[in-house]
């Protein structure tokens, strides 16, 4: 919720909120440089969000690596 990720001179993700229910399929669409890959890297634990958190079933989780993300169903 409210995922924000910055790099020097770049605001890659600015307060991203979205919810996915079990069994749903979604896609991220946007122009080059819109922050899609950065958001996925945060969700996979490759980057740490500067602000915000990931909630699974209403519980805050700290994803630190892709294996953990897969175990959480991401």
Protein backbone atom coordinates (compact mmCIF):
# COMPACT_ATOMS: atom_id res chain seq x y z
CA UNK A 1 0.00 0.00 0.00
CA UNK A 2 1.27 3.46 -0.90
CA UNK A 3 4.51 2.08 -2.42
CA UNK A 4 7.04 4.81 -3.17
CA UNK A 5 10.48 4.16 -4.64
CA UNK A 6 13.01 6.86 -5.50
CA UNK A 7 16.37 6.80 -7.20
CA UNK A 8 18.74 9.79 -7.35
CA UNK A 9 16.85 12.41 -9.33
CA UNK A 10 13.98 10.04 -10.23
CA UNK A 11 10.67 9.27 -8.54
CA UNK A 12 10.01 5.81 -10.01
CA UNK A 13 6.87 4.91 -8.01
CA UNK A 14 4.78 7.53 -6.24
CA UNK A 15 2.27 6.14 -3.76
CA UNK A 16 1.19 3.05 -5.72
CA UNK A 17 -1.88 1.27 -4.31
CA UNK A 18 -3.54 -1.79 -5.79
CA UNK A 19 -5.18 -4.99 -4.65
CA UNK A 20 -5.21 -8.42 -6.26
CA UNK A 21 -7.52 -11.19 -5.08
CA UNK A 22 -6.53 -14.86 -5.18
CA UNK A 23 -7.12 -16.38 -8.61
CA UNK A 24 -7.21 -13.05 -10.45
CA UNK A 25 -4.89 -12.22 -13.32
CA UNK A 26 -3.73 -8.63 -13.85
CA UNK A 27 -1.23 -6.81 -16.02
CA UNK A 28 0.72 -3.60 -15.61
CA UNK A 29 0.60 -1.33 -18.63
CA UNK A 30 2.43 1.90 -19.17
CA UNK A 31 4.98 3.76 -21.21
CA UNK A 32 8.70 3.09 -21.00
CA UNK A 33 10.01 4.51 -17.76
CA UNK A 34 6.61 4.51 -16.06
CA UNK A 35 7.86 2.41 -13.11
CA UNK A 36 6.38 -1.02 -13.92
CA UNK A 37 9.62 -2.96 -13.52
CA UNK A 38 10.56 -0.99 -10.42
CA UNK A 39 7.23 -1.87 -8.80
CA UNK A 40 7.67 -5.56 -9.62
CA UNK A 41 11.22 -5.46 -8.24
CA UNK A 42 9.82 -4.07 -4.97
CA UNK A 43 7.16 -6.81 -4.88
CA UNK A 44 9.80 -9.48 -5.59
CA UNK A 45 12.12 -8.17 -2.85
CA UNK A 46 14.85 -7.02 -5.23
CA UNK A 47 14.35 -3.37 -4.19
CA UNK A 48 13.15 -2.01 -0.89
CA UNK A 49 10.37 0.58 -1.02
CA UNK A 50 11.31 3.99 0.38
CA UNK A 51 7.76 4.36 1.70
CA UNK A 52 4.72 2.12 2.01
CA UNK A 53 4.27 -1.56 2.69
CA UNK A 54 3.09 -4.83 1.18
CA UNK A 55 0.03 -6.41 2.76
CA UNK A 56 -0.98 -10.04 2.29
CA UNK A 57 -4.36 -10.98 3.77
CA UNK A 58 -4.26 -7.72 5.71
CA UNK A 59 -0.88 -8.49 7.29
CA UNK A 60 2.21 -6.40 6.61
CA UNK A 61 5.04 -8.49 5.15
CA UNK A 62 8.68 -7.71 4.46
CA UNK A 63 9.70 -9.33 1.18
CA UNK A 64 13.50 -9.56 0.97
CA UNK A 65 14.03 -11.96 -1.94
CA UNK A 66 12.19 -13.58 -4.86
CA UNK A 67 11.94 -16.97 -3.12
CA UNK A 68 10.09 -15.37 -0.22
CA UNK A 69 7.82 -13.51 -2.67
CA UNK A 70 6.91 -16.81 -4.35
CA UNK A 71 6.23 -18.43 -0.97
CA UNK A 72 3.86 -15.53 -0.21
CA UNK A 73 2.05 -16.08 -3.51
CA UNK A 74 3.46 -13.08 -5.37
